PDB file of N, CA and C in Angstrom:
ATOM      1  N   MET A   1       0.671  -1.262   0.091  1.00  0.00           N
ATOM      2  CA  MET A   1       0.032  -0.128   0.208  1.00  0.00           C
ATOM      3  C   MET A   1       1.068   1.060  -0.025  1.00  0.00           C
ATOM      4  N   GLU A   2       0.778   1.887  -0.886  1.00  0.00           N
ATOM      5  CA  GLU A   2       1.742   3.346  -1.605  1.00  0.00           C
ATOM      6  C   GLU A   2       1.026   4.223  -0.595  1.00  0.00           C
ATOM      7  N   MET A   3       1.467   5.358   0.028  1.00  0.00           N
ATOM      8  CA  MET A   3       1.076   6.498   0.836  1.00  0.00           C
ATOM      9  C   MET A   3       1.339   7.326   0.021  1.00  0.00           C
ATOM     10  N   ASP A   4       1.005   7.956  -1.223  1.00  0.00           N
ATOM     11  CA  ASP A   4       1.303   9.215  -1.727  1.00  0.00           C
ATOM     12  C   ASP A   4       0.309  10.494  -1.040  1.00  0.00           C
ATOM     13  N   LEU A   5       1.256  12.131  -1.713  1.00  0.00           N
ATOM     14  CA  LEU A   5       1.034  13.096  -0.786  1.00  0.00           C
ATOM     15  C   LEU A   5      -0.788  13.201  -1.041  1.00  0.00           C
ATOM     16  N   ARG A   6      -1.562  13.049  -2.147  1.00  0.00           N
ATOM     17  CA  ARG A   6      -2.678  13.458  -1.542  1.00  0.00           C
ATOM     18  C   ARG A   6      -3.214  12.446  -0.426  1.00  0.00           C
ATOM     19  N   ASN A   7      -3.179  11.090  -0.549  1.00  0.00           N
ATOM     20  CA  ASN A   7      -3.808  10.814   1.193  1.00  0.00           C
ATOM     21  C   ASN A   7      -3.028  11.084   2.477  1.00  0.00           C
ATOM     22  N   LEU A   8      -1.819  11.620   2.054  1.00  0.00           N
ATOM     23  CA  LEU A   8      -1.277  12.204   3.266  1.00  0.00           C
ATOM     24  C   LEU A   8      -1.754  13.533   3.457  1.00  0.00           C
ATOM     25  N   GLN A   9      -2.093  14.236   3.071  1.00  0.00           N
ATOM     26  CA  GLN A   9      -3.195  15.648   2.927  1.00  0.00           C
ATOM     27  C   GLN A   9      -4.609  14.804   3.115  1.00  0.00           C
ATOM     28  N   GLY A  10      -5.159  14.372   3.264  1.00  0.00           N
ATOM     29  CA  GLY A  10      -6.209  14.443   3.864  1.00  0.00           C
ATOM     30  C   GLY A  10      -6.478  13.774   4.890  1.00  0.00           C
ATOM     31  N   TYR A  11      -5.454  12.583   5.534  1.00  0.00           N
ATOM     32  CA  TYR A  11      -5.310  12.114   6.453  1.00  0.00           C
ATOM     33  C   TYR A  11      -4.707  13.782   8.131  1.00  0.00           C
ATOM     34  N   ALA A  12      -3.676  14.484   7.151  1.00  0.00           N
ATOM     35  CA  ALA A  12      -3.594  15.816   7.394  1.00  0.00           C
ATOM     36  C   ALA A  12      -4.872  16.560   8.260  1.00  0.00           C
ATOM     37  N   ASN A  13      -5.268  16.526   6.987  1.00  0.00           N
ATOM     38  CA  ASN A  13      -6.495  17.539   7.237  1.00  0.00           C
ATOM     39  C   ASN A  13      -7.629  17.027   8.480  1.00  0.00           C
ATOM     40  N   ILE A  14      -8.018  15.984   8.005  1.00  0.00           N
ATOM     41  CA  ILE A  14      -8.791  15.087   9.619  1.00  0.00           C
ATOM     42  C   ILE A  14      -8.433  15.531  10.551  1.00  0.00           C
ATOM     43  N   PHE A  15      -7.106  15.163  10.642  1.00  0.00           N
ATOM     44  CA  PHE A  15      -6.390  15.129  12.325  1.00  0.00           C
ATOM     45  C   PHE A  15      -6.536  16.600  12.442  1.00  0.00           C
ATOM     46  N   MET A  16      -5.933  17.879  11.671  1.00  0.00           N
ATOM     47  CA  MET A  16      -6.044  19.016  12.068  1.00  0.00           C
ATOM     48  C   MET A  16      -7.574  19.698  12.507  1.00  0.00           C
ATOM     49  N   THR A  17      -8.789  19.254  11.720  1.00  0.00           N
ATOM     50  CA  THR A  17      -9.955  19.500  12.022  1.00  0.00           C
ATOM     51  C   THR A  17     -10.730  18.713  13.132  1.00  0.00           C
ATOM     52  N   ILE A  18     -10.177  17.428  13.753  1.00  0.00           N
ATOM     53  CA  ILE A  18     -10.161  17.147  14.986  1.00  0.00           C
ATOM     54  C   ILE A  18      -9.896  18.057  16.022  1.00  0.00           C
ATOM     55  N   PHE A  19      -8.486  18.117  16.128  1.00  0.00           N
ATOM     56  CA  PHE A  19      -7.734  18.393  16.748  1.00  0.00           C
ATOM     57  C   PHE A  19      -8.527  20.201  16.880  1.00  0.00           C
ATOM     58  N   LEU A  20      -8.812  20.740  16.044  1.00  0.00           N
ATOM     59  CA  LEU A  20      -8.988  22.192  15.948  1.00  0.00           C
ATOM     60  C   LEU A  20     -10.621  22.432  16.840  1.00  0.00           C
ATOM     61  N   VAL A  21     -11.203  21.325  16.420  1.00  0.00           N
ATOM     62  CA  VAL A  21     -12.735  21.287  17.604  1.00  0.00           C
ATOM     63  C   VAL A  21     -12.435  21.058  18.802  1.00  0.00           C
ATOM     64  N   VAL A  22     -11.375  19.900  18.971  1.00  0.00           N
ATOM     65  CA  VAL A  22     -10.911  19.467  20.583  1.00  0.00           C
ATOM     66  C   VAL A  22     -10.827  20.559  21.314  1.00  0.00           C
ATOM     67  N   MET A  23      -9.983  21.563  20.758  1.00  0.00           N
ATOM     68  CA  MET A  23      -9.619  22.762  21.529  1.00  0.00           C
ATOM     69  C   MET A  23     -10.336  23.884  20.865  1.00  0.00           C
ATOM     70  N   LEU A  24     -11.238  23.740  20.674  1.00  0.00           N
ATOM     71  CA  LEU A  24     -12.553  25.020  20.353  1.00  0.00           C
ATOM     72  C   LEU A  24     -13.071  24.695  22.086  1.00  0.00           C
ATOM     73  N   TYR A  25     -13.626  22.973  21.664  1.00  0.00           N
ATOM     74  CA  TYR A  25     -14.590  22.635  22.697  1.00  0.00           C
ATOM     75  C   TYR A  25     -14.048  23.239  24.697  1.00  0.00           C
ATOM     76  N   TRP A  26     -12.382  22.535  24.485  1.00  0.00           N
ATOM     77  CA  TRP A  26     -11.959  22.936  25.402  1.00  0.00           C
ATOM     78  C   TRP A  26     -12.240  24.667  25.769  1.00  0.00           C
ATOM     79  N   TYR A  27     -11.668  25.284  24.921  1.00  0.00           N
ATOM     80  CA  TYR A  27     -11.724  26.501  25.248  1.00  0.00           C
ATOM     81  C   TYR A  27     -13.024  27.311  25.866  1.00  0.00           C
ATOM     82  N   ILE A  28     -14.074  26.585  24.801  1.00  0.00           N
ATOM     83  CA  ILE A  28     -15.860  27.180  25.384  1.00  0.00           C
ATOM     84  C   ILE A  28     -16.135  26.622  26.879  1.00  0.00           C
ATOM     85  N   ILE A  29     -14.951  25.251  27.245  1.00  0.00           N
ATOM     86  CA  ILE A  29     -15.350  24.547  28.730  1.00  0.00           C
ATOM     87  C   ILE A  29     -14.420  25.475  29.622  1.00  0.00           C
ATOM     88  N   HIS A  30     -13.194  25.862  29.086  1.00  0.00           N
ATOM     89  CA  HIS A  30     -12.466  26.646  30.294  1.00  0.00           C
ATOM     90  C   HIS A  30     -13.324  28.182  30.095  1.00  0.00           C
ATOM     91  N   LEU A  31     -13.509  28.375  29.566  1.00  0.00           N
ATOM     92  CA  LEU A  31     -14.442  30.243  29.615  1.00  0.00           C
ATOM     93  C   LEU A  31     -15.733  29.969  30.514  1.00  0.00           C
ATOM     94  N   TYR A  32     -16.713  28.813  30.327  1.00  0.00           N
ATOM     95  CA  TYR A  32     -17.599  28.794  31.437  1.00  0.00           C
ATOM     96  C   TYR A  32     -17.250  28.254  32.928  1.00  0.00           C
ATOM     97  N   ARG A  33     -16.437  27.545  32.658  1.00  0.00           N
ATOM     98  CA  ARG A  33     -15.717  27.044  34.357  1.00  0.00           C
ATOM     99  C   ARG A  33     -15.375  28.264  34.882  1.00  0.00           C
ATOM    100  N   SER A  34     -14.705  29.291  34.047  1.00  0.00           N
ATOM    101  CA  SER A  34     -13.986  30.365  34.974  1.00  0.00           C
ATOM    102  C   SER A  34     -15.345  31.073  34.989  1.00  0.00           C
ATOM    103  N   GLU A  35     -15.988  31.551  34.418  1.00  0.00           N
ATOM    104  CA  GLU A  35     -17.151  32.493  34.747  1.00  0.00           C
ATOM    105  C   GLU A  35     -18.330  31.891  36.012  1.00  0.00           C
ATOM    106  N   LYS A  36     -18.348  30.869  36.097  1.00  0.00           N
ATOM    107  CA  LYS A  36     -18.843  29.945  36.988  1.00  0.00           C
ATOM    108  C   LYS A  36     -18.308  30.439  38.008  1.00  0.00           C
ATOM    109  N   LYS A  37     -16.773  30.380  38.370  1.00  0.00           N
ATOM    110  CA  LYS A  37     -15.408  30.451  39.882  1.00  0.00           C
ATOM    111  C   LYS A  37     -15.943  31.416  39.587  1.00  0.00           C
ATOM    112  N   GLY A  38     -16.060  32.539  39.339  1.00  0.00           N
ATOM    113  CA  GLY A  38     -16.190  34.072  39.691  1.00  0.00           C
ATOM    114  C   GLY A  38     -14.991  34.246  39.377  1.00  0.00           C
ATOM    115  N   VAL A  39     -14.170  33.693  38.671  1.00  0.00           N
ATOM    116  CA  VAL A  39     -12.435  34.690  38.124  1.00  0.00           C
ATOM    117  C   VAL A  39     -13.048  35.757  37.112  1.00  0.00           C
ATOM    118  N   ARG A  40     -13.868  35.639  36.190  1.00  0.00           N
ATOM    119  CA  ARG A  40     -14.144  36.089  35.499  1.00  0.00           C
ATOM    120  C   ARG A  40     -15.446  36.350  35.104  1.00  0.00           C
ATOM    121  N   ASP A  41     -16.018  37.902  34.603  1.00  0.00           N
ATOM    122  CA  ASP A  41     -17.241  38.153  33.679  1.00  0.00           C
ATOM    123  C   ASP A  41     -17.095  38.849  32.472  1.00  0.00           C
ATOM    124  N   TYR A  42     -17.277  37.756  31.661  1.00  0.00           N
ATOM    125  CA  TYR A  42     -17.189  37.920  29.894  1.00  0.00           C
ATOM    126  C   TYR A  42     -18.217  38.597  29.476  1.00  0.00           C
ATOM    127  N   GLU A  43     -19.606  38.675  30.564  1.00  0.00           N
ATOM    128  CA  GLU A  43     -20.498  39.449  30.290  1.00  0.00           C
ATOM    129  C   GLU A  43     -20.112  41.002  30.221  1.00  0.00           C
ATOM    130  N   LYS A  44     -18.946  41.147  30.969  1.00  0.00           N
ATOM    131  CA  LYS A  44     -18.229  42.916  31.071  1.00  0.00           C
ATOM    132  C   LYS A  44     -17.386  42.712  29.260  1.00  0.00           C
ATOM    133  N   TYR A  45     -16.724  41.815  29.469  1.00  0.00           N
ATOM    134  CA  TYR A  45     -16.185  41.932  28.102  1.00  0.00           C
ATOM    135  C   TYR A  45     -16.993  41.937  26.716  1.00  0.00           C
ATOM    136  N   GLY A  46     -17.709  41.356  26.685  1.00  0.00           N
ATOM    137  CA  GLY A  46     -18.509  41.814  25.526  1.00  0.00           C
ATOM    138  C   GLY A  46     -19.481  42.692  25.397  1.00  0.00           C
ATOM    139  N   ASN A  47     -19.920  43.528  26.847  1.00  0.00           N
ATOM    140  CA  ASN A  47     -20.178  44.837  26.249  1.00  0.00           C
ATOM    141  C   ASN A  47     -19.481  46.342  25.915  1.00  0.00           C
ATOM    142  N   ILE A  48     -17.730  45.365  25.777  1.00  0.00           N
ATOM    143  CA  ILE A  48     -16.784  46.541  25.244  1.00  0.00           C
ATOM    144  C   ILE A  48     -17.674  47.613  23.675  1.00  0.00           C
ATOM    145  N   ALA A  49     -17.884  46.132  23.343  1.00  0.00           N
ATOM    146  CA  ALA A  49     -18.022  46.891  21.303  1.00  0.00           C
ATOM    147  C   ALA A  49     -19.356  47.848  21.773  1.00  0.00           C
ATOM    148  N   LEU A  50     -20.724  47.116  22.462  1.00  0.00           N
ATOM    149  CA  LEU A  50     -21.667  47.955  22.464  1.00  0.00           C
ATOM    150  C   LEU A  50     -21.392  49.583  23.236  1.00  0.00           C
ATOM    151  N   ASP A  51     -20.648  49.707  24.344  1.00  0.00           N
ATOM    152  CA  ASP A  51     -20.775  50.755  25.418  1.00  0.00           C
ATOM    153  C   ASP A  51     -19.058  51.289  25.171  1.00  0.00           C
ATOM    154  N   ASP A  52     -18.847  51.926  24.144  1.00  0.00           N
ATOM    155  CA  ASP A  52     -17.610  52.079  23.711  1.00  0.00           C
ATOM    156  C   ASP A  52     -17.355  54.023  23.211  1.00  0.00           C
ATOM    157  N   SER A  53     -17.245  54.801  24.643  1.00  0.00           N
ATOM    158  CA  SER A  53     -17.062  56.096  24.774  1.00  0.00           C
ATOM    159  C   SER A  53     -16.110  56.088  25.406  1.00  0.00           C
ATOM    160  N   VAL A  54     -15.440  57.431  25.419  1.00  0.00           N
ATOM    161  CA  VAL A  54     -14.467  57.845  26.242  1.00  0.00           C
ATOM    162  C   VAL A  54     -15.137  58.257  27.760  1.00  0.00           C
ATOM    163  N   THR A  55     -16.196  58.227  28.163  1.00  0.00           N
ATOM    164  CA  THR A  55     -16.191  58.381  29.563  1.00  0.00           C
ATOM    165  C   THR A  55     -16.868  57.448  29.785  1.00  0.00           C
ATOM    166  N   SER A  56     -17.412  55.742  29.208  1.00  0.00           N
ATOM    167  CA  SER A  56     -17.364  54.855  29.942  1.00  0.00           C
ATOM    168  C   SER A  56     -16.449  54.228  31.284  1.00  0.00           C
ATOM    169  N   THR A  57     -16.981  53.773  31.441  1.00  0.00           N
ATOM    170  CA  THR A  57     -16.078  53.097  32.963  1.00  0.00           C
ATOM    171  C   THR A  57     -15.080  51.789  32.405  1.00  0.00           C
ATOM    172  N   PRO A  58     -14.136  51.659  33.062  1.00  0.00           N
ATOM    173  CA  PRO A  58     -13.496  50.524  32.295  1.00  0.00           C
ATOM    174  C   PRO A  58     -13.775  49.415  32.976  1.00  0.00           C
ATOM    175  N   VAL A  59     -13.745  48.319  32.084  1.00  0.00           N
ATOM    176  CA  VAL A  59     -13.919  46.291  32.766  1.00  0.00           C
ATOM    177  C   VAL A  59     -13.583  46.360  33.817  1.00  0.00           C
ATOM    178  N   GLU A  60     -12.146  46.586  34.537  1.00  0.00           N
ATOM    179  CA  GLU A  60     -11.185  46.525  35.139  1.00  0.00           C
ATOM    180  C   GLU A  60     -10.955  47.467  36.334  1.00  0.00           C
ATOM    181  N   ASP A  61     -10.920  47.483  37.569  1.00  0.00           N
ATOM    182  CA  ASP A  61     -11.006  48.593  38.132  1.00  0.00           C
ATOM    183  C   ASP A  61      -8.874  48.857  37.927  1.00  0.00           C
ATOM    184  N   LYS A  62      -8.097  47.260  38.173  1.00  0.00           N
ATOM    185  CA  LYS A  62      -6.869  47.705  38.280  1.00  0.00           C
ATOM    186  C   LYS A  62      -6.281  47.870  36.833  1.00  0.00           C
ATOM    187  N   PRO A  63      -4.693  48.298  37.046  1.00  0.00           N
ATOM    188  CA  PRO A  63      -4.369  48.543  35.405  1.00  0.00           C
ATOM    189  C   PRO A  63      -3.774  47.169  35.549  1.00  0.00           C
ATOM    190  N   ALA A  64      -3.260  46.666  34.385  1.00  0.00           N
ATOM    191  CA  ALA A  64      -3.037  45.177  33.953  1.00  0.00           C
ATOM    192  C   ALA A  64      -1.788  45.071  34.825  1.00  0.00           C
ATOM    193  N   SER A  65      -0.681  46.238  34.716  1.00  0.00           N
ATOM    194  CA  SER A  65       0.416  46.071  35.263  1.00  0.00           C
ATOM    195  C   SER A  65       0.733  45.745  36.449  1.00  0.00           C
ATOM    196  N   GLN A  66      -0.562  46.007  37.799  1.00  0.00           N
ATOM    197  CA  GLN A  66      -0.623  46.352  39.003  1.00  0.00           C
ATOM    198  C   GLN A  66      -1.264  44.699  39.194  1.00  0.00           C
ATOM    199  N   ARG A  67      -2.338  44.168  38.258  1.00  0.00           N
ATOM    200  CA  ARG A  67      -2.759  43.002  38.335  1.00  0.00           C
ATOM    201  C   ARG A  67      -1.863  41.883  38.439  1.00  0.00           C
ATOM    202  N   GLU A  68      -0.694  41.961  37.077  1.00  0.00           N
ATOM    203  CA  GLU A  68       0.010  41.100  36.999  1.00  0.00           C
ATOM    204  C   GLU A  68       1.192  40.781  38.141  1.00  0.00           C
ATOM    205  N   TYR A  69       1.663  41.900  38.834  1.00  0.00           N
ATOM    206  CA  TYR A  69       2.356  42.073  39.763  1.00  0.00           C
ATOM    207  C   TYR A  69       1.882  41.185  41.315  1.00  0.00           C
ATOM    208  N   LYS A  70       0.624  41.731  41.271  1.00  0.00           N
ATOM    209  CA  LYS A  70      -0.307  40.899  42.584  1.00  0.00           C
ATOM    210  C   LYS A  70       0.072  39.179  42.199  1.00  0.00           C
ATOM    211  N   GLU A  71      -0.347  38.929  40.906  1.00  0.00           N
ATOM    212  CA  GLU A  71      -0.877  37.688  40.211  1.00  0.00           C
ATOM    213  C   GLU A  71       0.821  36.826  40.856  1.00  0.00           C
ATOM    214  N   GLU A  72       1.824  37.305  40.406  1.00  0.00           N
ATOM    215  CA  GLU A  72       3.215  36.948  40.606  1.00  0.00           C
ATOM    216  C   GLU A  72       2.997  36.973  42.250  1.00  0.00           C
ATOM    217  N   ASN A  73       3.094  37.423  42.991  1.00  0.00           N
ATOM    218  CA  ASN A  73       3.451  37.584  44.233  1.00  0.00           C
ATOM    219  C   ASN A  73       2.342  36.621  45.432  1.00  0.00           C
ATOM    220  N   LYS A  74       1.412  36.319  44.833  1.00  0.00           N
ATOM    221  CA  LYS A  74       0.863  35.240  45.904  1.00  0.00           C
ATOM    222  C   LYS A  74       1.115  33.899  46.214  1.00  0.00           C
TER     223      LYS A  74
END
């Protein structure tokens, strides 16, 4: 049984499709679990596109630099 390039491309396509679908579902489950635990509220991030003005309140109250520093020292 000879493995030509067309068959190899077909198998690679199927493998990559399955891999990307699994990664997509893993990411969706990760988002759902982190929102249920209260780590992040992704509803606020979704509203950024709807409430996009200079006077709107920030999504998170701390700057990213302070938040990263706090997470490193835990």
